[in-house]
């Protein structure tokens, strides 16, 4: 497979890394495989990258990935735009799998929220460690 075809196949992974602020050190073809060398902020983010890779190809036998953890890489900033009918609990359930984590979102957004029960459509909220 050509390097262009490999990059196209793994574009969702490359885009994920780019949007999450990861550092991509190398991205090239070697012996018919796409070589990806990148650094991410923490182990949880590294696991998210591997989830993306497995989502593209569960075998990923045409990919050689070296994803390193480097605390100097900035933590990704995830945001969510509030929709009509949303609550912090509902947003928490979406991002963390538990509605009980809503205070984590509230605490991260105290610059614009004074009450966890008062969010408005259109607000852009920071979602910590999502």
N, C-alpha and C. Protein backbone atom coordinates (compact mmCIF):
# COMPACT_ATOMS: atom_id res chain seq x y z
N UNK A 1 0.86 -1.18 0.00
CA UNK A 1 0.00 0.00 0.00
C UNK A 1 0.90 1.24 0.00
N UNK A 2 0.52 2.25 -0.75
CA UNK A 2 1.32 3.48 -0.82
C UNK A 2 1.20 4.28 0.47
N UNK A 3 2.16 5.18 0.68
CA UNK A 3 2.13 6.02 1.87
C UNK A 3 0.86 6.88 1.87
N UNK A 4 0.42 7.33 0.70
CA UNK A 4 -0.80 8.13 0.63
C UNK A 4 -2.02 7.31 1.04
N UNK A 5 -2.07 6.05 0.59
CA UNK A 5 -3.19 5.18 0.96
C UNK A 5 -3.18 4.86 2.45
N UNK A 6 -1.99 4.65 3.02
CA UNK A 6 -1.88 4.37 4.45
C UNK A 6 -2.30 5.59 5.26
N UNK A 7 -1.84 6.78 4.85
CA UNK A 7 -2.24 7.99 5.55
C UNK A 7 -3.74 8.22 5.46
N UNK A 8 -4.32 7.90 4.30
CA UNK A 8 -5.77 8.05 4.15
C UNK A 8 -6.50 7.07 5.06
N UNK A 9 -6.01 5.84 5.13
CA UNK A 9 -6.64 4.83 5.98
C UNK A 9 -6.62 5.27 7.44
N UNK A 10 -5.47 5.77 7.89
CA UNK A 10 -5.32 6.14 9.30
C UNK A 10 -5.57 7.63 9.56
N UNK A 11 -6.21 8.30 8.61
CA UNK A 11 -6.52 9.72 8.77
C UNK A 11 -7.31 10.00 10.04
N UNK A 12 -8.30 9.18 10.42
CA UNK A 12 -9.01 9.45 11.68
C UNK A 12 -8.07 9.48 12.90
N UNK A 13 -7.05 8.65 12.90
CA UNK A 13 -6.08 8.62 14.01
C UNK A 13 -5.22 9.88 13.97
N UNK A 14 -4.74 10.22 12.78
CA UNK A 14 -3.90 11.41 12.62
C UNK A 14 -4.69 12.66 13.01
N UNK A 15 -5.95 12.74 12.56
CA UNK A 15 -6.80 13.89 12.91
C UNK A 15 -7.04 13.94 14.41
N UNK A 16 -7.28 12.79 15.03
CA UNK A 16 -7.50 12.73 16.48
C UNK A 16 -6.28 13.27 17.21
N UNK A 17 -5.10 12.82 16.82
CA UNK A 17 -3.87 13.31 17.45
C UNK A 17 -3.74 14.81 17.28
N UNK A 18 -4.01 15.31 16.10
CA UNK A 18 -3.87 16.74 15.83
C UNK A 18 -4.86 17.56 16.65
N UNK A 19 -6.10 17.13 16.70
CA UNK A 19 -7.11 17.91 17.42
C UNK A 19 -6.91 17.84 18.93
N UNK A 20 -6.22 16.83 19.41
CA UNK A 20 -6.01 16.67 20.85
C UNK A 20 -4.69 17.27 21.31
N UNK A 21 -3.94 17.89 20.41
CA UNK A 21 -2.71 18.56 20.79
C UNK A 21 -1.51 17.65 20.97
N UNK A 22 -1.58 16.43 20.47
CA UNK A 22 -0.45 15.52 20.56
C UNK A 22 0.68 16.01 19.65
N UNK A 23 1.89 15.57 19.95
CA UNK A 23 3.03 15.87 19.09
C UNK A 23 3.30 14.67 18.20
N UNK A 24 3.26 14.89 16.89
CA UNK A 24 3.59 13.83 15.94
C UNK A 24 5.03 14.06 15.51
N UNK A 25 5.91 13.14 15.90
CA UNK A 25 7.34 13.28 15.62
C UNK A 25 7.69 12.75 14.23
N UNK A 26 7.13 11.59 13.88
CA UNK A 26 7.39 10.97 12.58
C UNK A 26 6.10 10.37 12.05
N UNK A 27 5.93 10.50 10.75
CA UNK A 27 4.81 9.87 10.06
C UNK A 27 5.30 9.58 8.65
N UNK A 28 5.69 8.33 8.42
CA UNK A 28 6.23 7.96 7.11
C UNK A 28 5.97 6.47 6.87
N UNK A 29 6.29 6.04 5.66
CA UNK A 29 6.13 4.64 5.29
C UNK A 29 7.49 3.95 5.36
N UNK A 30 7.45 2.74 5.89
CA UNK A 30 8.67 1.94 5.98
C UNK A 30 8.28 0.48 5.81
N UNK A 31 8.83 -0.16 4.81
CA UNK A 31 8.58 -1.59 4.54
C UNK A 31 7.09 -1.90 4.45
N UNK A 32 6.34 -1.03 3.79
CA UNK A 32 4.91 -1.27 3.58
C UNK A 32 4.03 -0.94 4.78
N UNK A 33 4.60 -0.35 5.82
CA UNK A 33 3.82 0.02 7.00
C UNK A 33 3.90 1.53 7.21
N UNK A 34 2.84 2.07 7.78
CA UNK A 34 2.87 3.46 8.19
C UNK A 34 3.52 3.52 9.57
N UNK A 35 4.56 4.32 9.69
CA UNK A 35 5.27 4.48 10.95
C UNK A 35 4.78 5.77 11.59
N UNK A 36 4.21 5.64 12.77
CA UNK A 36 3.69 6.77 13.52
C UNK A 36 4.39 6.84 14.86
N UNK A 37 5.08 7.94 15.09
CA UNK A 37 5.79 8.17 16.36
C UNK A 37 5.21 9.46 16.93
N UNK A 38 4.55 9.37 18.08
CA UNK A 38 3.88 10.53 18.66
C UNK A 38 3.99 10.52 20.18
N UNK A 39 3.77 11.71 20.76
CA UNK A 39 3.74 11.85 22.22
C UNK A 39 2.42 12.48 22.63
N UNK A 40 1.86 11.98 23.74
CA UNK A 40 0.62 12.50 24.29
C UNK A 40 0.84 12.83 25.77
N UNK A 41 -0.11 13.54 26.35
CA UNK A 41 0.03 14.05 27.71
C UNK A 41 0.07 12.97 28.80
N UNK A 42 -0.79 11.97 28.70
CA UNK A 42 -0.88 10.99 29.79
C UNK A 42 -1.32 9.63 29.27
N UNK A 43 -1.31 8.67 30.17
CA UNK A 43 -1.66 7.29 29.81
C UNK A 43 -3.09 7.17 29.30
N UNK A 44 -4.01 7.92 29.89
CA UNK A 44 -5.41 7.87 29.44
C UNK A 44 -5.51 8.33 27.99
N UNK A 45 -4.77 9.37 27.64
CA UNK A 45 -4.79 9.86 26.26
C UNK A 45 -4.15 8.84 25.32
N UNK A 46 -3.09 8.19 25.78
CA UNK A 46 -2.46 7.13 24.99
C UNK A 46 -3.47 6.02 24.70
N UNK A 47 -4.25 5.65 25.70
CA UNK A 47 -5.28 4.62 25.51
C UNK A 47 -6.34 5.06 24.51
N UNK A 48 -6.69 6.35 24.52
CA UNK A 48 -7.66 6.87 23.55
C UNK A 48 -7.11 6.78 22.13
N UNK A 49 -5.81 7.03 21.98
CA UNK A 49 -5.19 6.91 20.65
C UNK A 49 -5.27 5.46 20.18
N UNK A 50 -4.95 4.53 21.06
CA UNK A 50 -5.03 3.12 20.68
C UNK A 50 -6.47 2.71 20.35
N UNK A 51 -7.43 3.26 21.05
CA UNK A 51 -8.84 2.99 20.71
C UNK A 51 -9.15 3.48 19.30
N UNK A 52 -8.61 4.64 18.94
CA UNK A 52 -8.82 5.17 17.59
C UNK A 52 -8.17 4.25 16.55
N UNK A 53 -6.95 3.80 16.84
CA UNK A 53 -6.24 2.91 15.92
C UNK A 53 -7.04 1.63 15.71
N UNK A 54 -7.49 1.03 16.80
CA UNK A 54 -8.26 -0.21 16.72
C UNK A 54 -9.60 0.00 16.03
N UNK A 55 -10.13 1.22 16.13
CA UNK A 55 -11.38 1.54 15.43
C UNK A 55 -11.21 1.57 13.92
N UNK A 56 -10.01 1.90 13.47
CA UNK A 56 -9.72 1.92 12.04
C UNK A 56 -9.44 0.50 11.55
N UNK A 57 -8.61 -0.23 12.30
CA UNK A 57 -8.23 -1.59 11.90
C UNK A 57 -7.81 -2.34 13.15
N UNK A 58 -8.63 -3.28 13.56
CA UNK A 58 -8.37 -4.04 14.78
C UNK A 58 -7.04 -4.79 14.77
N UNK A 59 -6.55 -5.13 13.58
CA UNK A 59 -5.27 -5.85 13.48
C UNK A 59 -4.09 -4.90 13.34
N UNK A 60 -4.34 -3.73 12.77
CA UNK A 60 -3.34 -2.70 12.47
C UNK A 60 -1.97 -3.28 12.10
N UNK A 61 -1.98 -4.31 11.23
CA UNK A 61 -0.73 -4.93 10.81
C UNK A 61 0.02 -4.12 9.75
N UNK A 62 -0.59 -3.04 9.28
CA UNK A 62 0.09 -2.16 8.34
C UNK A 62 0.49 -0.85 9.02
N UNK A 63 0.55 -0.87 10.36
CA UNK A 63 0.90 0.30 11.15
C UNK A 63 1.92 -0.08 12.21
N UNK A 64 2.94 0.75 12.33
CA UNK A 64 3.91 0.60 13.42
C UNK A 64 3.79 1.89 14.23
N UNK A 65 3.14 1.80 15.40
CA UNK A 65 2.87 2.99 16.21
C UNK A 65 3.67 2.95 17.50
N UNK A 66 4.32 4.07 17.78
CA UNK A 66 5.02 4.25 19.05
C UNK A 66 4.42 5.50 19.68
N UNK A 67 3.53 5.30 20.62
CA UNK A 67 2.85 6.41 21.29
C UNK A 67 3.45 6.54 22.69
N UNK A 68 4.13 7.65 22.92
CA UNK A 68 4.80 7.86 24.20
C UNK A 68 4.00 8.81 25.08
N UNK A 69 4.16 8.67 26.39
CA UNK A 69 3.56 9.60 27.35
C UNK A 69 4.64 10.61 27.73
N UNK A 70 4.29 11.89 27.61
CA UNK A 70 5.20 12.97 27.95
C UNK A 70 4.38 14.06 28.63
N UNK A 71 4.57 14.24 29.92
CA UNK A 71 3.79 15.23 30.68
C UNK A 71 4.03 16.65 30.19
N UNK A 72 5.08 16.88 29.41
CA UNK A 72 5.33 18.20 28.85
C UNK A 72 4.41 18.53 27.68
N UNK A 73 3.78 17.51 27.11
CA UNK A 73 2.80 17.74 26.05
C UNK A 73 1.55 18.28 26.75
N UNK A 74 1.00 19.39 26.28
CA UNK A 74 -0.18 19.95 26.96
C UNK A 74 -1.35 18.96 26.98
N UNK A 75 -2.07 18.98 28.08
CA UNK A 75 -3.28 18.16 28.18
C UNK A 75 -4.28 18.64 27.14
N UNK A 76 -5.01 17.74 26.51
CA UNK A 76 -5.99 18.17 25.52
C UNK A 76 -7.12 18.95 26.17
N UNK A 77 -7.60 19.93 25.45
CA UNK A 77 -8.75 20.70 25.91
C UNK A 77 -9.96 20.24 25.10
N UNK A 78 -10.88 19.62 25.79
CA UNK A 78 -12.10 19.15 25.16
C UNK A 78 -13.21 20.12 25.53
N UNK A 79 -13.99 20.52 24.55
CA UNK A 79 -15.11 21.42 24.81
C UNK A 79 -16.40 20.79 24.33
N UNK A 80 -17.49 21.31 24.85
CA UNK A 80 -18.82 20.86 24.45
C UNK A 80 -19.72 22.08 24.40
N UNK A 81 -20.48 22.20 23.32
CA UNK A 81 -21.44 23.29 23.19
C UNK A 81 -22.80 22.80 23.69
N UNK A 82 -23.31 23.49 24.69
CA UNK A 82 -24.57 23.11 25.33
C UNK A 82 -25.72 23.20 24.33
N UNK A 83 -26.53 22.15 24.32
CA UNK A 83 -27.72 22.07 23.46
C UNK A 83 -28.96 22.22 24.33
N UNK A 84 -30.08 22.57 23.72
CA UNK A 84 -31.34 22.64 24.44
C UNK A 84 -31.64 21.31 25.12
N UNK A 85 -32.06 21.35 26.37
CA UNK A 85 -32.39 20.14 27.11
C UNK A 85 -31.22 19.52 27.84
N UNK A 86 -30.02 20.05 27.64
CA UNK A 86 -28.84 19.51 28.33
C UNK A 86 -28.84 19.90 29.80
N UNK A 87 -28.25 19.04 30.60
CA UNK A 87 -27.92 19.32 32.00
C UNK A 87 -26.47 18.91 32.18
N UNK A 88 -25.84 19.39 33.23
CA UNK A 88 -24.47 18.96 33.48
C UNK A 88 -24.40 17.46 33.73
N UNK A 89 -25.44 16.91 34.34
CA UNK A 89 -25.47 15.46 34.58
C UNK A 89 -25.52 14.69 33.26
N UNK A 90 -26.32 15.18 32.33
CA UNK A 90 -26.44 14.53 31.02
C UNK A 90 -25.10 14.61 30.26
N UNK A 91 -24.46 15.77 30.32
CA UNK A 91 -23.16 15.95 29.67
C UNK A 91 -22.12 15.06 30.34
N UNK A 92 -22.15 14.99 31.66
CA UNK A 92 -21.25 14.13 32.41
C UNK A 92 -21.40 12.67 32.00
N UNK A 93 -22.63 12.23 31.87
CA UNK A 93 -22.91 10.85 31.45
C UNK A 93 -22.30 10.58 30.07
N UNK A 94 -22.43 11.56 29.17
CA UNK A 94 -21.91 11.42 27.81
C UNK A 94 -20.39 11.29 27.79
N UNK A 95 -19.69 12.09 28.58
CA UNK A 95 -18.24 12.11 28.53
C UNK A 95 -17.56 11.14 29.49
N UNK A 96 -18.17 10.90 30.64
CA UNK A 96 -17.52 10.08 31.66
C UNK A 96 -18.23 8.75 31.91
N UNK A 97 -19.41 8.58 31.34
CA UNK A 97 -20.16 7.35 31.57
C UNK A 97 -20.93 7.35 32.87
N UNK A 98 -20.88 8.46 33.60
CA UNK A 98 -21.58 8.58 34.88
C UNK A 98 -22.11 10.00 35.03
N UNK A 99 -23.37 10.13 35.36
CA UNK A 99 -23.97 11.45 35.58
C UNK A 99 -23.43 12.10 36.85
N UNK A 100 -22.87 11.30 37.74
CA UNK A 100 -22.40 11.81 39.02
C UNK A 100 -21.12 12.65 38.94
N UNK A 101 -20.50 12.73 37.77
CA UNK A 101 -19.27 13.50 37.61
C UNK A 101 -19.54 14.95 37.20
N UNK A 102 -20.80 15.39 37.27
CA UNK A 102 -21.17 16.72 36.77
C UNK A 102 -20.43 17.85 37.47
N UNK A 103 -20.06 17.67 38.74
CA UNK A 103 -19.37 18.74 39.47
C UNK A 103 -17.96 18.98 38.91
N UNK A 104 -17.37 17.97 38.31
CA UNK A 104 -16.06 18.14 37.68
C UNK A 104 -16.18 19.16 36.54
N UNK A 105 -17.26 19.06 35.77
CA UNK A 105 -17.50 20.01 34.68
C UNK A 105 -17.82 21.39 35.25
N UNK A 106 -18.64 21.42 36.28
CA UNK A 106 -18.99 22.71 36.90
C UNK A 106 -17.73 23.42 37.40
N UNK A 107 -16.87 22.70 38.13
CA UNK A 107 -15.66 23.30 38.69
C UNK A 107 -14.74 23.85 37.60
N UNK A 108 -14.67 23.17 36.47
CA UNK A 108 -13.81 23.60 35.37
C UNK A 108 -14.37 24.82 34.64
N UNK A 109 -15.64 25.15 34.89
CA UNK A 109 -16.29 26.23 34.16
C UNK A 109 -16.84 27.32 35.07
N UNK A 110 -16.28 27.44 36.27
CA UNK A 110 -16.76 28.46 37.21
C UNK A 110 -16.58 29.88 36.67
N UNK A 111 -15.72 30.04 35.66
CA UNK A 111 -15.55 31.35 35.06
C UNK A 111 -16.82 31.82 34.33
N UNK A 112 -17.69 30.87 33.97
CA UNK A 112 -18.92 31.24 33.28
C UNK A 112 -20.19 30.67 33.92
N UNK A 113 -20.03 29.79 34.91
CA UNK A 113 -21.19 29.21 35.58
C UNK A 113 -21.18 29.58 37.06
N UNK A 114 -22.33 29.99 37.56
CA UNK A 114 -22.44 30.30 39.00
C UNK A 114 -23.25 29.24 39.72
N UNK A 115 -23.95 28.40 38.95
CA UNK A 115 -24.82 27.38 39.53
C UNK A 115 -24.82 26.18 38.59
N UNK A 116 -24.59 24.96 39.09
CA UNK A 116 -24.55 23.79 38.20
C UNK A 116 -25.90 23.50 37.53
N UNK A 117 -26.98 24.09 38.04
CA UNK A 117 -28.29 23.85 37.45
C UNK A 117 -28.67 24.90 36.42
N UNK A 118 -27.76 25.84 36.14
CA UNK A 118 -28.09 26.93 35.22
C UNK A 118 -27.09 27.00 34.08
N UNK A 119 -27.33 26.16 33.07
CA UNK A 119 -26.54 26.23 31.84
C UNK A 119 -27.48 26.62 30.72
N UNK A 120 -26.92 27.24 29.67
CA UNK A 120 -27.75 27.73 28.58
C UNK A 120 -27.25 27.19 27.25
N UNK A 121 -28.17 26.90 26.33
CA UNK A 121 -27.75 26.48 24.99
C UNK A 121 -26.80 27.51 24.39
N UNK A 122 -25.77 27.01 23.74
CA UNK A 122 -24.78 27.86 23.11
C UNK A 122 -23.53 28.06 23.95
N UNK A 123 -23.61 27.82 25.25
CA UNK A 123 -22.41 27.93 26.08
C UNK A 123 -21.41 26.86 25.67
N UNK A 124 -20.14 27.22 25.63
CA UNK A 124 -19.09 26.27 25.33
C UNK A 124 -18.38 25.94 26.63
N UNK A 125 -18.54 24.70 27.05
CA UNK A 125 -17.98 24.25 28.33
C UNK A 125 -16.70 23.44 28.12
N UNK A 126 -15.76 23.64 29.02
CA UNK A 126 -14.54 22.82 29.03
C UNK A 126 -14.89 21.50 29.73
N UNK A 127 -14.45 20.41 29.15
CA UNK A 127 -14.69 19.08 29.73
C UNK A 127 -13.34 18.53 30.17
N UNK A 128 -13.03 18.62 31.46
CA UNK A 128 -11.70 18.18 31.92
C UNK A 128 -11.50 16.68 31.83
N UNK A 129 -10.30 16.31 31.44
CA UNK A 129 -9.89 14.89 31.38
C UNK A 129 -10.87 14.01 30.65
N UNK A 130 -11.42 14.51 29.56
CA UNK A 130 -12.37 13.71 28.78
C UNK A 130 -11.65 12.94 27.68
